[in-house]
Protein backbone atom coordinates (compact mmCIF):
# COMPACT_ATOMS: atom_id res chain seq x y z
CA MET A 1 86.59 88.39 28.59
CA VAL A 2 88.79 88.50 31.68
CA SER A 3 85.85 89.38 33.92
CA SER A 4 83.86 86.41 32.57
CA MET A 5 86.79 84.14 33.45
CA LEU A 6 87.09 85.55 36.98
CA LEU A 7 83.37 85.31 37.79
CA PRO A 8 83.41 81.56 38.62
CA LEU A 9 86.49 82.10 40.78
CA ALA A 10 84.82 84.95 42.64
CA GLU A 11 81.66 82.91 43.14
CA ALA A 12 83.71 80.01 44.53
CA LEU A 13 85.55 82.28 46.97
CA ILE A 14 82.38 83.95 48.21
CA SER A 15 80.47 80.68 48.61
CA ASP A 16 79.75 79.13 52.00
CA LYS A 17 82.83 76.93 51.73
CA GLY A 18 85.07 79.91 51.01
CA LEU A 19 83.74 81.80 54.02
CA ALA A 20 84.14 78.75 56.25
CA VAL A 21 87.74 78.27 55.16
CA ALA A 22 88.39 81.97 55.74
CA GLY A 23 86.92 81.63 59.23
CA ALA A 24 89.14 78.64 59.94
CA GLY A 25 92.16 80.65 58.78
CA ILE A 26 91.24 83.57 61.02
CA GLY A 27 90.78 81.15 63.92
CA MET A 28 94.23 79.67 63.35
CA GLY A 29 95.74 83.15 63.31
CA ILE A 30 94.06 84.09 66.58
CA ALA A 31 95.21 80.83 68.19
CA VAL A 32 98.81 81.43 67.15
CA LEU A 33 98.75 85.06 68.33
CA GLY A 34 97.29 84.06 71.69
CA GLY A 35 99.83 81.30 72.18
CA GLY A 36 102.71 83.57 71.25
CA ARG A 37 101.53 86.26 73.62
CA GLY A 38 101.11 83.78 76.46
CA ILE A 39 104.55 82.25 76.03
CA GLY A 40 106.05 85.75 75.76
CA GLN A 41 104.46 86.79 79.05
CA ILE A 42 105.65 83.61 80.74
CA GLY A 43 109.22 84.20 79.51
CA GLY A 44 109.20 87.85 80.58
CA SER A 45 107.85 87.04 84.02
CA ALA A 46 110.39 84.26 84.46
CA VAL A 47 113.27 86.58 83.60
CA GLU A 48 111.97 89.16 86.09
CA GLY A 49 111.62 86.49 88.78
CA ILE A 50 115.12 85.18 88.19
CA ALA A 51 116.51 88.73 88.27
CA ARG A 52 114.86 89.34 91.65
CA GLN A 53 115.78 85.97 93.15
CA PRO A 54 118.65 84.31 91.25
CA GLU A 55 118.85 81.30 93.57
CA ALA A 56 115.32 80.24 92.50
CA GLY A 57 116.28 80.29 88.81
CA GLY A 58 116.12 76.51 88.40
CA ARG A 59 112.60 76.16 89.80
CA ILE A 60 111.35 79.21 87.90
CA GLY A 61 112.84 77.90 84.65
CA THR A 62 111.29 74.47 85.13
CA ASN A 63 107.85 75.92 85.82
CA MET A 64 108.22 78.24 82.84
CA ILE A 65 108.99 75.33 80.49
CA ILE A 66 106.01 73.33 81.76
CA ALA A 67 103.60 76.25 81.34
CA ALA A 68 104.96 77.09 77.88
CA ALA A 69 104.57 73.46 76.80
CA LEU A 70 100.94 73.45 77.93
CA ILE A 71 100.21 76.64 76.00
CA GLU A 72 101.99 75.31 72.93
CA GLY A 73 100.00 72.08 73.09
CA PHE A 74 96.75 74.01 73.19
CA THR A 75 97.86 76.16 70.26
CA PHE A 76 98.76 73.12 68.13
CA THR A 77 95.43 71.52 69.02
CA ALA A 78 93.56 74.64 67.89
CA ILE A 79 95.51 74.77 64.62
CA ILE A 80 94.91 71.07 63.88
CA LEU A 81 91.21 71.45 64.68
CA ALA A 82 90.96 74.41 62.31
CA PHE A 83 92.67 72.39 59.53
CA VAL A 84 90.29 69.48 60.10
CA LEU A 85 87.27 71.75 60.01
CA ALA A 86 88.49 73.54 56.89
CA ASN A 87 89.12 70.25 55.05
CA GLY A 88 85.91 68.63 56.24
CA ILE A 89 83.66 71.26 54.69
CA LYS A 90 81.94 69.93 51.58
């Protein structure tokens, strides 16, 4: 009896819509991981640059913030696009 109740659920999850939503979820995860890695590298490089040349700390910090904002904007755009694609699938 339980297996007959779960069969429609399994069919719905394995349908084309379920696979498309899973793909959108995987895409969002990759976008977030890539953005996090990029911002982490920018922060690490900025700290190294400031440690080597403390008097340039202000310029390095400003450039770091601008680059991190650009990466974050791209990441949010990718996440929103994945949500739109996942919700637009009929």
